Amino acid sequence: MRKLLYLTFSMALIAALTTYAMWAADRPVGHYLSDLRIDLAVDQGTPADRGNLLGIQPELFPTDYQSSERLHRKLAAYLQKARDQGLLNEKTIVVLPEHIGTWLMVSGEKDELYQATTLKEAMNWLAASNPLKFIRALVSARGDSRLDDAHLRMKAKGMAKDYQALFGGLAKEFQVTLVAGSIVLPEPSIIEGRLKVGGGALYNSSVVFGRDGLPIGQPQRQMHPVFDDHEVIAANGERTLSVVDTPAGRLGVLIGSDSWYPDAYRKLDDQGAKFVAVPAFVTGRGTWDKPWRGYKGLSTPGSVSLKAEELSEGQAWHHLTLTAQPPSSQAIAGMSVFLRGQFWDQGSAGQSFLSSNGQHFADGNAPGARLLNLWL
């Protein structure tokens, strides 16, 4: 009898594991009708032969990331609209928002993940449908929030490959210089023209792709991750900033809250940056109009007198982003571009704006995807 029970239990276990393995391997891709519309919200300056900064504030949802092809279709539609309106040329610098690459972590997943109601539930489905990758990532996870670290780390190699193929491909397809927002990866670096990952800490990083589709320089790692990300994302401890050459001139990239630090602009000035791109992301619907929470656990620069809750979140971004505000920044133009959309129960609130001659130009809180253009 005991042998019979053991055999029955073993067969049931094998059947259950086989069924689970088949379920985890199944990746059906259903039909999805995406909104490809985008409006030109801000158009400043006069067309010349000096090029332009073009910000794309997309409106994205989890289903847009079901495959790289879907995300390409949407972003390519935005760029095609810009081309149709005469906004693309050989000196155009396109700027995409922070974390537009990070969400590639949910690419190629099961329908249950995209249909989840909360981010936590979606991450549970991510782990459940990739058990071996999740376990390996959990073993090598770092920091106080090992679970969140593992979720970001578990598909890092594939994410890096998709990120370069997608955004490098768009840069080559539309013959523009493209600041590919940002992506969270473990120790990212460019080796022989390819974006590679390491086994160390996670960094929120941005890569600039040239008109040939290849990376320009090394990934720019964020120096000052906001308080909400401290347990998962490491800070660029070397506080290094690099400036890259583009057909329009020298370009610097400040990721999100890095744009709040006057010292960052001085470092860019020392390297002759003419333009500054700020990929950004603000979580929570309505946050833009709520009181600013300050530097969120980080030390406040001595030259900054602004205190938490004195201004709204949006007003603080305009006040602290010093691009094209001499003598704080010698750059002649800049652009802050925010990711908009709804990722499960995590909404977004940033409103993109341009900086030129000490002034900011913004569209306001209009719904939908937006193009913002500044002729140089």
Protein backbone atom coordinates (compact mmCIF):
# COMPACT_ATOMS: atom_id res chain seq x y z
CA MET A 1 0.00 0.00 0.00
CA ARG A 2 2.81 2.39 0.89
CA LYS A 3 4.51 1.78 -2.46
CA LEU A 4 1.20 2.40 -4.24
CA LEU A 5 0.69 5.70 -2.40
CA TYR A 6 4.28 6.73 -3.15
CA LEU A 7 3.83 5.88 -6.86
CA THR A 8 0.52 7.74 -7.02
CA PHE A 9 2.01 10.80 -5.31
CA SER A 10 5.06 10.74 -7.63
CA MET A 11 2.90 10.53 -10.73
CA ALA A 12 0.67 13.35 -9.50
CA LEU A 13 3.71 15.49 -8.76
CA ILE A 14 5.22 14.82 -12.19
CA ALA A 15 1.89 15.63 -13.83
CA ALA A 16 1.61 18.87 -11.84
CA LEU A 17 5.17 19.92 -12.67
CA THR A 18 4.68 19.06 -16.34
CA THR A 19 1.46 21.08 -16.46
CA TYR A 20 3.16 24.02 -14.73
CA ALA A 21 6.13 23.88 -17.10
CA MET A 22 3.80 23.85 -20.12
CA TRP A 23 1.82 26.76 -18.67
CA ALA A 24 4.96 28.77 -17.93
CA ALA A 25 6.33 28.19 -21.43
CA ASP A 26 3.11 29.22 -23.18
CA ARG A 27 3.27 32.85 -24.36
CA PRO A 28 0.19 33.58 -26.47
CA VAL A 29 0.08 37.06 -28.03
CA GLY A 30 -3.44 38.32 -28.50
CA HIS A 31 -4.70 41.14 -30.68
CA TYR A 32 -4.23 44.61 -29.25
CA LEU A 33 -5.43 47.88 -30.74
CA SER A 34 -3.05 50.61 -29.60
CA ASP A 35 -3.69 54.35 -29.77
CA LEU A 36 -1.01 55.67 -32.13
CA ARG A 37 -2.14 59.30 -32.07
CA ILE A 38 0.18 62.07 -30.93
CA ASP A 39 -0.18 65.87 -31.04
CA LEU A 40 2.42 68.59 -31.50
CA ALA A 41 1.98 70.45 -28.22
CA VAL A 42 4.93 72.87 -28.22
CA ASP A 43 6.85 74.21 -31.23
CA GLN A 44 9.39 76.90 -30.38
CA GLY A 45 11.91 78.68 -32.55
CA THR A 46 12.45 78.95 -36.28
CA PRO A 47 13.61 76.11 -38.57
CA ALA A 48 17.22 76.51 -39.66
CA ASP A 49 20.18 74.27 -40.41
CA ARG A 50 21.16 73.88 -36.74
CA GLY A 51 18.79 71.02 -35.98
CA ASN A 52 16.26 70.67 -33.17
CA LEU A 53 15.46 69.00 -29.87
CA LEU A 54 12.35 66.84 -30.17
CA GLY A 55 10.78 65.40 -27.06
CA ILE A 56 8.36 62.48 -27.28
CA GLN A 57 6.07 62.21 -24.26
CA PRO A 58 4.42 58.84 -24.96
CA GLU A 59 1.32 57.42 -23.36
CA LEU A 60 2.12 53.80 -22.59
CA PHE A 61 0.44 50.85 -20.90
CA PRO A 62 1.57 47.32 -19.96
CA THR A 63 0.08 45.82 -23.13
CA ASP A 64 2.32 48.08 -25.23
CA TYR A 65 5.21 46.01 -23.83
CA GLN A 66 3.74 42.61 -24.66
CA SER A 67 6.32 42.44 -27.42
CA SER A 68 9.12 44.63 -28.77
CA GLU A 69 7.25 44.75 -32.07
CA ARG A 70 4.24 46.37 -30.41
CA LEU A 71 6.34 49.00 -28.67
CA HIS A 72 8.23 49.66 -31.91
CA ARG A 73 4.95 50.12 -33.77
CA LYS A 74 3.80 52.77 -31.32
CA LEU A 75 7.06 54.70 -31.07
CA ALA A 76 7.61 54.50 -34.83
CA ALA A 77 4.13 55.96 -35.35
CA TYR A 78 5.08 58.89 -33.13
CA LEU A 79 8.29 59.46 -35.06
CA GLN A 80 6.51 59.14 -38.39
CA LYS A 81 4.08 61.85 -37.29
CA ALA A 82 7.07 64.06 -36.48
CA ARG A 83 8.60 63.29 -39.88
CA ASP A 84 5.33 64.15 -41.63
CA GLN A 85 5.35 67.53 -39.89
CA GLY A 86 8.91 68.27 -40.99
CA LEU A 87 10.42 67.88 -37.52
CA LEU A 88 13.10 65.29 -38.37
CA ASN A 89 16.43 66.06 -40.01
CA GLU A 90 20.02 64.86 -39.84
CA LYS A 91 20.70 67.06 -36.79
CA THR A 92 17.55 66.18 -34.81
CA ILE A 93 18.04 64.98 -31.23
CA VAL A 94 15.05 62.94 -30.02
CA VAL A 95 14.54 62.63 -26.27
CA LEU A 96 12.50 59.82 -24.68
CA PRO A 97 11.43 59.56 -21.01
CA GLU A 98 12.91 57.85 -17.98
CA HIS A 99 12.16 54.13 -17.51
CA ILE A 100 10.78 53.67 -21.02
CA GLY A 101 13.26 50.81 -21.28
CA THR A 102 12.80 49.45 -17.76
CA TRP A 103 9.32 48.13 -18.54
CA LEU A 104 10.85 45.77 -21.12
CA MET A 105 11.03 43.49 -18.08
CA VAL A 106 7.40 42.51 -18.78
CA SER A 107 7.87 41.86 -22.51
CA GLY A 108 6.79 38.46 -23.82
CA GLU A 109 4.79 37.49 -20.74
CA LYS A 110 1.49 35.74 -20.17
CA ASP A 111 -1.92 37.42 -20.46
CA GLU A 112 -2.46 37.10 -16.72
CA LEU A 113 0.37 39.58 -16.08
CA TYR A 114 -1.09 42.28 -18.35
CA GLN A 115 -4.56 41.74 -16.92
CA ALA A 116 -3.40 42.16 -13.30
CA THR A 117 -4.93 45.00 -11.30
CA THR A 118 -1.86 45.93 -9.24
CA LEU A 119 1.88 46.12 -9.86
CA LYS A 120 2.47 43.65 -7.03
CA GLU A 121 0.13 41.12 -8.64
CA ALA A 122 1.83 41.62 -12.02
CA MET A 123 5.26 40.98 -10.47
CA ASN A 124 3.95 37.80 -8.85
CA TRP A 125 2.89 36.57 -12.29
CA LEU A 126 6.31 37.56 -13.67
CA ALA A 127 8.06 35.38 -11.09
CA ALA A 128 5.58 32.51 -11.42
CA SER A 129 5.96 32.27 -15.19
CA ASN A 130 9.78 32.48 -15.11
CA PRO A 131 10.63 30.33 -12.06
CA LEU A 132 14.25 29.43 -12.89
CA LYS A 133 15.18 32.99 -13.93
CA PHE A 134 13.53 34.36 -10.81
CA ILE A 135 15.29 31.94 -8.45
CA ARG A 136 18.70 32.68 -10.02
CA ALA A 137 18.05 36.42 -9.75
CA LEU A 138 16.88 36.13 -6.15
CA VAL A 139 20.08 34.34 -5.18
CA SER A 140 22.22 37.17 -6.59
CA ALA A 141 19.87 40.00 -5.50
CA ARG A 142 21.26 42.86 -3.45
CA GLY A 143 20.03 45.53 -1.05
CA ASP A 144 17.14 45.68 1.41
CA SER A 145 14.47 44.87 -1.16
CA ARG A 146 15.74 41.63 -2.65
CA LEU A 147 12.39 40.74 -4.19
CA ASP A 148 12.21 43.98 -6.21
CA ASP A 149 15.86 43.58 -7.17
CA ALA A 150 15.19 40.06 -8.45
CA HIS A 151 12.21 41.21 -10.54
CA LEU A 152 14.39 43.79 -12.30
CA ARG A 153 17.44 41.54 -12.60
CA MET A 154 15.86 38.28 -13.78
CA LYS A 155 15.53 39.20 -17.47
CA ALA A 156 18.39 41.71 -17.67
CA LYS A 157 20.27 40.14 -20.59
CA GLY A 158 17.16 39.98 -22.73
CA MET A 159 16.16 43.50 -21.70
CA ALA A 160 19.55 44.91 -22.73
CA LYS A 161 19.34 43.16 -26.10
CA ASP A 162 15.78 44.35 -26.75
CA TYR A 163 16.61 47.89 -25.60
CA GLN A 164 19.46 48.24 -28.08
CA ALA A 165 17.59 46.56 -30.93
CA LEU A 166 14.48 48.69 -30.39
CA PHE A 167 15.93 52.14 -29.75
CA GLY A 168 19.06 51.75 -31.83
CA GLY A 169 16.80 50.49 -34.61
CA LEU A 170 14.52 53.53 -34.32
CA ALA A 171 17.50 55.91 -34.44
CA LYS A 172 18.75 54.25 -37.64
CA GLU A 173 15.29 53.92 -39.20
CA PHE A 174 14.51 57.62 -38.77
CA GLN A 175 18.12 58.84 -39.08
CA VAL A 176 18.17 60.79 -35.80
CA THR A 177 20.25 60.96 -32.64
CA LEU A 178 18.12 59.33 -29.95
CA VAL A 179 18.34 59.66 -26.16
CA ALA A 180 16.71 56.35 -25.26
CA GLY A 181 15.16 57.40 -21.95
CA SER A 182 16.47 55.03 -19.32
CA ILE A 183 16.54 51.38 -18.33
CA VAL A 184 17.43 49.67 -15.04
CA LEU A 185 20.16 47.04 -15.54
CA PRO A 186 22.95 45.45 -13.47
CA GLU A 187 26.25 47.22 -14.19
CA PRO A 188 25.49 48.14 -17.82
CA SER A 189 28.35 48.94 -20.20
CA ILE A 190 29.03 49.17 -23.91
CA ILE A 191 31.49 46.52 -25.08
CA GLU A 192 32.41 46.39 -28.77
CA GLY A 193 29.32 48.33 -29.69
CA ARG A 194 26.89 46.16 -27.70
CA LEU A 195 25.03 46.92 -24.47
CA LYS A 196 26.06 44.30 -21.92
CA VAL A 197 25.11 43.64 -18.30
CA GLY A 198 27.22 42.57 -15.33
CA GLY A 199 26.44 40.83 -12.07
CA GLY A 200 26.66 43.77 -9.69
CA ALA A 201 24.28 46.48 -8.50
CA LEU A 202 21.33 47.79 -10.50
CA TYR A 203 21.70 51.21 -12.13
CA ASN A 204 19.15 53.45 -13.79
CA SER A 205 21.01 54.27 -17.02
CA SER A 206 20.54 56.02 -20.33
CA VAL A 207 22.14 55.28 -23.70
CA VAL A 208 22.38 57.71 -26.63
CA PHE A 209 22.15 56.11 -30.07
CA GLY A 210 23.54 57.72 -33.21
CA ARG A 211 22.03 57.89 -36.70
CA ASP A 212 23.79 54.63 -37.52
CA GLY A 213 21.92 52.90 -34.70
CA LEU A 214 25.04 52.38 -32.59
CA PRO A 215 25.59 53.60 -29.01
CA ILE A 216 27.54 56.81 -28.52
CA GLY A 217 29.82 56.53 -25.52
CA GLN A 218 29.01 54.58 -22.36
CA PRO A 219 25.65 54.42 -20.54
CA GLN A 220 25.03 57.42 -18.29
CA ARG A 221 24.22 56.09 -14.81
CA GLN A 222 21.94 58.08 -12.55
CA MET A 223 23.80 59.80 -9.71
CA HIS A 224 20.91 60.57 -7.37
CA PRO A 225 18.07 58.02 -7.46
CA VAL A 226 15.05 59.34 -5.60
CA PHE A 227 14.28 58.07 -2.12
CA ASP A 228 11.61 55.64 -3.38
CA ASP A 229 14.27 53.77 -5.41
CA HIS A 230 17.10 53.70 -2.85
CA GLU A 231 16.48 50.11 -1.75
CA VAL A 232 16.83 48.78 -5.29
CA ILE A 233 18.75 51.18 -7.55
CA ALA A 234 22.34 52.10 -6.78
CA ALA A 235 23.73 55.61 -7.15
CA ASN A 236 26.58 56.39 -9.52
CA GLY A 237 29.06 56.83 -6.68
CA GLU A 238 31.73 58.31 -8.94
CA ARG A 239 29.33 61.18 -9.75
CA THR A 240 30.62 61.08 -13.33
CA LEU A 241 28.86 62.75 -16.23
CA SER A 242 29.80 62.35 -19.87
CA VAL A 243 29.02 64.56 -22.84
CA VAL A 244 28.61 63.07 -26.32
CA ASP A 245 29.10 64.61 -29.74
CA THR A 246 26.05 64.79 -32.01
CA PRO A 247 25.55 66.41 -35.45
CA ALA A 248 23.85 69.34 -33.65
CA GLY A 249 26.53 69.79 -30.98
CA ARG A 250 27.64 68.41 -27.63
CA LEU A 251 24.90 66.79 -25.55
CA GLY A 252 24.66 65.94 -21.86
CA VAL A 253 22.08 63.68 -20.20
CA LEU A 254 20.75 64.10 -16.65
CA ILE A 255 18.40 61.33 -15.54
CA GLY A 256 15.39 62.43 -13.50
CA SER A 257 16.34 63.96 -10.16
CA ASP A 258 19.96 64.43 -11.30
CA SER A 259 18.63 67.59 -12.97
CA TRP A 260 17.98 69.10 -9.49
CA TYR A 261 21.69 69.43 -8.67
CA PRO A 262 23.54 72.63 -9.72
CA ASP A 263 26.87 70.79 -9.62
CA ALA A 264 25.67 68.53 -12.45
CA TYR A 265 25.31 71.52 -14.76
CA ARG A 266 28.78 72.77 -13.83
CA LYS A 267 30.21 69.39 -14.81
CA LEU A 268 28.40 69.54 -18.14
CA ASP A 269 29.60 73.13 -18.69
CA ASP A 270 33.19 72.00 -18.11
CA GLN A 271 32.78 69.54 -20.99
CA GLY A 272 31.18 72.07 -23.34
CA ALA A 273 27.63 70.72 -23.38
CA LYS A 274 25.38 72.85 -25.61
CA PHE A 275 22.22 70.87 -24.90
CA VAL A 276 20.87 68.92 -21.94
CA ALA A 277 18.34 66.08 -22.16
CA VAL A 278 16.43 65.11 -19.01
CA PRO A 279 14.52 61.80 -19.23
CA ALA A 280 12.13 61.90 -16.25
CA PHE A 281 9.27 60.08 -14.52
CA VAL A 282 6.90 61.14 -11.72
CA THR A 283 4.67 58.46 -10.21
CA GLY A 284 1.11 58.88 -8.97
CA ARG A 285 -1.82 60.60 -10.61
CA GLY A 286 -2.12 64.21 -9.50
CA THR A 287 1.39 64.28 -8.02
CA TRP A 288 2.42 67.13 -10.32
CA ASP A 289 0.07 69.53 -8.51
CA LYS A 290 0.73 68.22 -5.00
CA PRO A 291 3.35 69.73 -2.65
CA TRP A 292 6.91 68.90 -3.58
CA ARG A 293 8.44 66.39 -1.15
CA GLY A 294 11.92 67.84 -1.31
CA TYR A 295 15.04 65.80 -2.03
CA LYS A 296 13.33 62.74 -0.55
CA GLY A 297 15.99 61.57 1.84
CA LEU A 298 18.95 62.85 -0.17
CA SER A 299 21.13 65.73 0.97
CA THR A 300 19.98 69.13 -0.28
CA PRO A 301 22.67 71.05 -2.23
CA GLY A 302 23.96 74.04 -0.30
CA SER A 303 23.08 76.44 -3.10
CA VAL A 304 19.42 75.35 -3.15
CA SER A 305 17.17 77.33 -0.81
CA LEU A 306 13.92 75.69 -1.88
CA LYS A 307 12.28 73.72 0.92
CA ALA A 308 9.85 70.82 0.78
CA GLU A 309 6.18 71.77 0.36
CA GLU A 310 6.97 75.38 -0.57
CA LEU A 311 5.97 74.68 -4.17
CA SER A 312 4.09 72.02 -6.07
CA GLU A 313 5.97 69.11 -7.62
CA GLY A 314 5.66 70.68 -11.07
CA GLN A 315 6.80 74.12 -9.91
CA ALA A 316 9.82 72.53 -8.21
CA TRP A 317 10.85 70.76 -11.42
CA HIS A 318 10.69 74.06 -13.31
CA HIS A 319 12.61 75.84 -10.55
CA LEU A 320 15.34 73.22 -10.12
CA THR A 321 15.94 72.31 -13.76
CA LEU A 322 18.59 74.91 -14.56
CA THR A 323 19.15 74.18 -18.26
CA ALA A 324 19.62 77.37 -20.28
CA GLN A 325 19.49 79.53 -17.13
CA PRO A 326 22.84 81.42 -17.08
CA PRO A 327 25.02 81.51 -15.08
CA SER A 328 23.77 78.24 -13.56
CA SER A 329 24.01 76.45 -16.91
CA GLN A 330 25.81 77.50 -20.06
CA ALA A 331 23.82 75.13 -22.25
CA ILE A 332 21.73 76.96 -24.85
CA ALA A 333 18.75 74.60 -24.70
CA GLY A 334 17.31 71.66 -22.81
CA MET A 335 14.33 69.38 -22.60
CA SER A 336 12.68 67.45 -19.76
CA VAL A 337 10.52 64.58 -21.04
CA PHE A 338 8.23 62.55 -18.78
CA LEU A 339 6.72 59.11 -19.19
CA ARG A 340 2.93 59.14 -19.14
CA GLY A 341 0.46 56.27 -18.92
CA GLN A 342 -0.86 53.76 -16.42
CA PHE A 343 1.11 50.72 -15.27
CA TRP A 344 -1.43 48.72 -13.29
CA ASP A 345 -2.16 50.76 -10.15
CA GLN A 346 0.87 53.00 -10.72
CA GLY A 347 -0.15 56.19 -12.50
CA SER A 348 2.06 59.00 -13.79
CA ALA A 349 1.92 62.76 -13.56
CA GLY A 350 4.91 64.52 -15.16
CA GLN A 351 4.40 67.27 -17.75
CA SER A 352 7.21 67.68 -20.26
CA PHE A 353 8.77 71.09 -20.90
CA LEU A 354 11.43 72.85 -22.94
CA SER A 355 14.13 75.21 -21.70
CA SER A 356 15.54 78.02 -23.82
CA ASN A 357 16.93 81.48 -23.03
CA GLY A 358 16.04 81.11 -19.38
CA GLN A 359 12.39 80.30 -20.11
CA HIS A 360 10.33 77.11 -19.84
CA PHE A 361 7.67 76.18 -22.39
CA ALA A 362 5.13 73.50 -21.51
CA ASP A 363 1.82 72.16 -22.77
CA GLY A 364 0.14 71.73 -19.40
CA ASN A 365 -1.76 68.66 -18.28
CA ALA A 366 -3.35 67.79 -21.61
CA PRO A 367 -4.25 64.09 -22.05
CA GLY A 368 -2.61 61.77 -24.55
CA ALA A 369 0.82 61.57 -26.16
CA ARG A 370 2.67 64.78 -26.94
CA LEU A 371 5.49 66.07 -29.18
CA LEU A 372 7.55 69.02 -27.96
CA ASN A 373 9.90 70.67 -30.46
CA LEU A 374 12.60 73.30 -30.05
CA TRP A 375 14.44 74.58 -33.10
CA LEU A 376 18.07 75.34 -32.28
